[in-house]
Amino acid sequence: METNDMKIFIEVAHSSSVSKTATKLGYVQSNISKRIEKIETELNCTLFLRTNKGMKLLPEGELFLTYCNEILTIMTRVNASFSMNSKILKIGATQNISHHYLSSALFSETISVYTKPIPDLISFLKQSVIDLLIINREIDDDSLKENFSFNEEICWVQSKESEFKIENHPIVINRDSECPYRKATLAYIKANQMESTRLIQVDTLDVLISMLEKENVSSILPKKILKNNDKLKKVNTTTELSPIKILGYTLVTTNQVINLNQILTIE
């Protein structure tokens, strides 16, 4: 059993909510549920009582929570003993980037992830609250410098249960007018004369993914999402979608060398 699973279990136990845990840790709800079910399968017992009001710990869950806290306390001491001089890298990222690229970093003892709206993250970087900002749009600011960049493949996505052309059903987009996936969607709609197609605007990635899984809708998202969600599939289209550029920014005065392989899950 991985310590990451224990940390997820502890968060669900404390919040009594899968949705709150997913939002806090940058996962989709289905992934949190699968992690809990995996633990229960390994332990051969039920840890939570599932109700309409949330997740309630059963006696077996209370016992496992005690063990998890003890194990993670020991692991923290071990890591501290061998990493006395290591500096915590503070990273700021949007919910989308945190979900797709920083899920492993969320559990690192040497990395702290801040998931906030972009204006807040830029302010955090300028105030040195964070060391690194990872974002999917360019920033024109003389006090910041681009530390690294890479391209993110995007594609049309819909439920595996769906069999329809994207122009025949609603399309879901983010309400943020600067969202690159929204811009790619609107550009595709215009290029393919699909202006009559209904658009549904949402505020969070979690809601968008939930709609894709349960409803007859489509959306443009990072292709990477398909690796971690077996309920979704890529929709092949005749028009090729240009990749989105992901950029890492630091202060101009920073000389810190960023090792991407240590913080990002790109593949």
Protein backbone atom coordinates (compact mmCIF):
# COMPACT_ATOMS: atom_id res chain seq x y z
CA MET A 1 0.00 0.00 0.00
CA GLU A 2 1.36 3.43 -0.97
CA THR A 3 1.68 6.27 1.52
CA ASN A 4 -0.16 8.48 -1.00
CA ASP A 5 -3.23 6.27 -0.57
CA MET A 6 -2.98 6.66 3.20
CA LYS A 7 -2.86 10.44 2.86
CA ILE A 8 -5.95 10.39 0.66
CA PHE A 9 -7.72 8.16 3.20
CA ILE A 10 -6.83 10.54 6.04
CA GLU A 11 -8.15 13.53 4.10
CA VAL A 12 -11.45 11.76 3.36
CA ALA A 13 -11.70 10.73 7.02
CA HIS A 14 -11.16 14.31 8.19
CA SER A 15 -13.49 15.98 5.68
CA SER A 16 -16.09 13.15 5.51
CA SER A 17 -16.35 14.04 1.82
CA VAL A 18 -14.92 12.62 -1.39
CA SER A 19 -15.71 15.83 -3.30
CA LYS A 20 -13.96 18.08 -0.76
CA THR A 21 -10.92 15.78 -0.79
CA ALA A 22 -10.83 15.81 -4.60
CA THR A 23 -10.96 19.61 -4.68
CA LYS A 24 -8.25 20.01 -2.05
CA LEU A 25 -5.84 17.49 -3.60
CA GLY A 26 -6.53 18.33 -7.26
CA TYR A 27 -8.04 14.97 -8.23
CA VAL A 28 -11.37 14.10 -9.82
CA GLN A 29 -13.88 12.50 -7.46
CA SER A 30 -13.82 9.15 -9.25
CA ASN A 31 -10.07 8.79 -8.63
CA ILE A 32 -10.52 9.42 -4.89
CA SER A 33 -13.31 6.83 -4.73
CA LYS A 34 -11.15 4.28 -6.55
CA ARG A 35 -8.25 4.84 -4.13
CA ILE A 36 -10.52 4.24 -1.13
CA GLU A 37 -12.00 1.11 -2.74
CA LYS A 38 -8.45 -0.12 -3.47
CA ILE A 39 -7.50 0.22 0.20
CA GLU A 40 -10.66 -1.58 1.30
CA THR A 41 -9.93 -4.41 -1.13
CA GLU A 42 -6.36 -4.76 0.15
CA LEU A 43 -7.53 -4.80 3.78
CA ASN A 44 -10.55 -6.98 2.98
CA CYS A 45 -12.91 -4.78 4.98
CA THR A 46 -15.16 -1.73 4.65
CA LEU A 47 -13.71 1.45 6.15
CA PHE A 48 -16.50 3.93 5.48
CA LEU A 49 -20.27 4.01 5.66
CA ARG A 50 -21.41 5.77 2.49
CA THR A 51 -24.44 8.01 3.09
CA ASN A 52 -26.14 10.94 1.36
CA LYS A 53 -24.48 13.17 3.94
CA GLY A 54 -20.98 11.93 3.20
CA MET A 55 -18.44 9.35 4.35
CA LYS A 56 -18.61 8.14 7.96
CA LEU A 57 -15.76 6.13 9.46
CA LEU A 58 -16.63 2.62 10.61
CA PRO A 59 -14.75 0.99 13.54
CA GLU A 60 -12.33 -0.61 11.05
CA GLY A 61 -11.79 2.82 9.53
CA GLU A 62 -11.05 4.37 12.93
CA LEU A 63 -8.41 1.68 13.55
CA PHE A 64 -6.86 2.12 10.12
CA LEU A 65 -6.79 5.91 10.62
CA THR A 66 -4.73 5.39 13.78
CA TYR A 67 -2.26 3.20 11.92
CA CYS A 68 -2.04 5.64 9.00
CA ASN A 69 -1.20 8.53 11.31
CA GLU A 70 1.47 6.45 13.06
CA ILE A 71 3.03 5.28 9.79
CA LEU A 72 3.08 8.75 8.22
CA THR A 73 4.53 10.26 11.39
CA ILE A 74 7.37 7.75 11.25
CA MET A 75 7.89 8.41 7.52
CA THR A 76 8.04 12.16 8.18
CA ARG A 77 10.70 11.61 10.84
CA VAL A 78 12.71 9.38 8.50
CA ASN A 79 12.56 11.93 5.68
CA ALA A 80 13.45 14.75 8.04
CA SER A 81 16.46 12.82 9.35
CA PHE A 82 17.88 12.36 5.86
CA SER A 83 16.80 15.71 4.39
CA MET A 84 17.75 18.24 7.02
CA ASN A 85 19.24 20.60 4.47
CA SER A 86 16.64 20.22 1.73
CA LYS A 87 14.60 23.31 0.87
CA ILE A 88 10.88 23.04 0.24
CA LEU A 89 10.04 24.13 -3.31
CA LYS A 90 6.79 26.12 -3.32
CA ILE A 91 4.90 25.75 -6.60
CA GLY A 92 1.81 27.63 -7.72
CA ALA A 93 -0.45 26.19 -10.42
CA THR A 94 -4.03 26.23 -11.66
CA GLN A 95 -6.42 23.39 -10.82
CA ASN A 96 -5.98 21.91 -14.30
CA ILE A 97 -2.19 21.83 -14.17
CA SER A 98 -2.14 20.60 -10.57
CA HIS A 99 -4.45 17.77 -11.55
CA HIS A 100 -2.57 16.68 -14.67
CA TYR A 101 1.07 17.34 -13.77
CA LEU A 102 1.49 17.77 -10.01
CA SER A 103 -0.51 14.92 -8.49
CA SER A 104 2.67 13.18 -7.30
CA ALA A 105 4.26 16.42 -6.10
CA LEU A 106 1.27 17.01 -3.82
CA PHE A 107 2.57 14.25 -1.56
CA SER A 108 6.25 15.19 -1.68
CA GLU A 109 7.94 16.21 1.57
CA THR A 110 10.09 18.74 -0.31
CA ILE A 111 7.39 20.31 -2.50
CA SER A 112 4.41 22.44 -1.49
CA VAL A 113 1.71 23.09 -4.10
CA TYR A 114 -0.58 26.13 -4.10
CA THR A 115 -3.70 25.79 -6.29
CA LYS A 116 -5.25 29.22 -6.81
CA PRO A 117 -6.70 31.48 -9.55
CA ILE A 118 -4.02 32.91 -11.85
CA PRO A 119 -4.08 36.53 -10.55
CA ASP A 120 -3.51 35.24 -7.01
CA LEU A 121 -0.64 33.00 -8.16
CA ILE A 122 1.11 35.84 -9.98
CA SER A 123 0.81 37.96 -6.84
CA PHE A 124 2.16 35.06 -4.75
CA LEU A 125 5.20 34.75 -7.03
CA LYS A 126 5.98 38.47 -6.89
CA GLN A 127 5.72 38.40 -3.09
CA SER A 128 7.94 35.27 -2.94
CA VAL A 129 5.16 33.25 -1.33
CA ILE A 130 5.88 30.69 -4.08
CA ASP A 131 9.14 29.95 -5.91
CA LEU A 132 7.69 28.74 -9.21
CA LEU A 133 4.52 29.41 -11.17
CA ILE A 134 3.36 26.83 -13.73
CA ILE A 135 0.71 28.17 -16.07
CA ASN A 136 -0.81 27.58 -19.52
CA ARG A 137 -0.59 31.13 -20.80
CA GLU A 138 2.17 33.70 -21.29
CA ILE A 139 2.81 36.48 -18.78
CA ASP A 140 4.17 39.86 -19.88
CA ASP A 141 5.90 41.13 -16.76
CA ASP A 142 9.46 42.43 -16.49
CA SER A 143 9.82 41.11 -12.93
CA LEU A 144 9.24 37.51 -14.08
CA LYS A 145 11.19 35.22 -16.38
CA GLU A 146 10.33 32.03 -18.24
CA ASN A 147 12.21 29.15 -16.63
CA PHE A 148 10.96 26.32 -18.85
CA SER A 149 8.18 25.38 -21.25
CA PHE A 150 6.73 22.32 -22.97
CA ASN A 151 3.85 21.56 -25.31
CA GLU A 152 0.66 19.88 -24.15
CA GLU A 153 -1.36 17.84 -26.63
CA ILE A 154 -5.09 18.51 -26.57
CA CYS A 155 -8.04 16.68 -28.10
CA TRP A 156 -11.81 16.45 -28.12
CA VAL A 157 -13.05 14.27 -25.26
CA GLN A 158 -16.37 12.61 -24.45
CA SER A 159 -17.71 9.64 -22.50
CA LYS A 160 -16.75 6.16 -23.68
CA GLU A 161 -20.46 5.36 -23.65
CA SER A 162 -21.20 8.14 -26.14
CA GLU A 163 -21.43 7.71 -29.90
CA PHE A 164 -22.25 11.06 -31.49
CA LYS A 165 -20.72 13.86 -33.52
CA ILE A 166 -19.55 16.77 -31.41
CA GLU A 167 -21.65 19.27 -33.36
CA ASN A 168 -24.87 17.41 -32.49
CA HIS A 169 -24.67 17.80 -28.71
CA PRO A 170 -23.67 20.52 -26.21
CA ILE A 171 -20.03 21.46 -25.75
CA VAL A 172 -18.68 22.25 -22.27
CA ILE A 173 -16.14 25.06 -21.80
CA ASN A 174 -14.54 26.89 -18.89
CA ARG A 175 -16.09 30.24 -18.00
CA ASP A 176 -12.65 31.88 -17.80
CA SER A 177 -12.31 33.91 -21.01
CA GLU A 178 -8.51 33.47 -20.95
CA CYS A 179 -8.60 29.67 -20.61
CA PRO A 180 -6.58 28.23 -23.55
CA TYR A 181 -8.88 25.19 -23.85
CA ARG A 182 -11.87 27.52 -24.12
CA LYS A 183 -10.05 29.56 -26.78
CA ALA A 184 -9.18 26.38 -28.73
CA THR A 185 -12.82 25.29 -28.53
CA LEU A 186 -14.21 28.61 -29.78
CA ALA A 187 -11.63 28.71 -32.59
CA TYR A 188 -12.64 25.18 -33.66
CA ILE A 189 -16.33 26.09 -33.57
CA LYS A 190 -15.74 29.15 -35.74
CA ALA A 191 -13.47 27.31 -38.21
CA ASN A 192 -16.01 24.51 -38.64
CA GLN A 193 -19.11 26.74 -38.74
CA MET A 194 -20.62 25.21 -35.60
CA GLU A 195 -21.94 28.46 -34.09
CA SER A 196 -25.39 26.93 -33.58
CA THR A 197 -23.98 24.29 -31.19
CA ARG A 198 -25.02 24.89 -27.58
CA LEU A 199 -22.23 25.90 -25.17
CA ILE A 200 -22.32 25.10 -21.45
CA GLN A 201 -19.96 27.14 -19.26
CA VAL A 202 -18.60 25.79 -15.97
CA ASP A 203 -16.19 27.12 -13.35
CA THR A 204 -14.19 24.06 -12.28
CA LEU A 205 -12.40 21.12 -13.86
CA ASP A 206 -14.17 18.74 -11.51
CA VAL A 207 -17.62 19.77 -12.74
CA LEU A 208 -16.50 19.63 -16.36
CA ILE A 209 -15.12 16.09 -16.05
CA SER A 210 -18.21 14.93 -14.18
CA MET A 211 -20.42 16.21 -17.02
CA LEU A 212 -18.25 14.46 -19.61
CA GLU A 213 -18.53 11.17 -17.73
CA LYS A 214 -22.30 11.30 -17.25
CA GLU A 215 -23.81 13.39 -20.06
CA ASN A 216 -23.82 13.49 -23.86
CA VAL A 217 -21.42 16.42 -24.10
CA SER A 218 -17.92 17.05 -25.48
CA SER A 219 -14.99 19.23 -24.50
CA ILE A 220 -11.42 20.03 -25.51
CA LEU A 221 -9.00 18.95 -22.78
CA PRO A 222 -5.39 17.77 -22.41
CA LYS A 223 -4.92 14.38 -24.04
CA LYS A 224 -3.17 13.35 -20.82
CA ILE A 225 -6.49 13.12 -19.01
CA LEU A 226 -7.30 9.89 -20.86
CA LYS A 227 -4.46 8.06 -19.09
CA ASN A 228 -6.06 8.54 -15.69
CA ASN A 229 -9.75 8.31 -16.54
CA ASP A 230 -11.12 5.11 -18.04
CA LYS A 231 -14.58 6.64 -18.53
CA LEU A 232 -13.46 9.06 -21.22
CA LYS A 233 -12.23 8.68 -24.78
CA LYS A 234 -10.66 10.77 -27.51
CA VAL A 235 -12.90 11.93 -30.35
CA ASN A 236 -11.17 11.88 -33.73
CA THR A 237 -11.77 14.97 -35.85
CA THR A 238 -10.66 16.10 -39.28
CA THR A 239 -9.23 19.37 -37.96
CA GLU A 240 -5.94 19.09 -36.08
CA LEU A 241 -5.73 20.91 -32.76
CA SER A 242 -2.62 22.94 -31.98
CA PRO A 243 -0.87 22.07 -28.69
CA ILE A 244 -1.09 24.30 -25.63
CA LYS A 245 2.15 25.75 -24.27
CA ILE A 246 2.79 25.12 -20.58
CA LEU A 247 5.24 27.59 -19.02
CA GLY A 248 7.15 27.81 -15.76
CA TYR A 249 7.89 31.28 -14.38
CA THR A 250 10.21 32.45 -11.61
CA LEU A 251 11.34 35.87 -10.44
CA VAL A 252 14.02 37.49 -12.60
CA THR A 253 16.26 37.63 -9.54
CA THR A 254 16.02 33.86 -8.95
CA ASN A 255 18.96 31.65 -9.92
CA GLN A 256 17.34 28.41 -8.80
CA VAL A 257 17.68 25.48 -11.24
CA ILE A 258 14.38 23.62 -11.72
CA ASN A 259 14.51 19.86 -12.33
CA LEU A 260 11.29 19.10 -14.23
CA ASN A 261 11.58 15.35 -13.75
CA GLN A 262 11.43 15.79 -9.98
CA ILE A 263 8.25 17.87 -9.90
CA LEU A 264 6.19 17.18 -13.02
CA THR A 265 4.51 14.07 -14.39
CA ILE A 266 4.67 15.01 -18.07
CA GLU A 267 4.39 11.63 -19.78
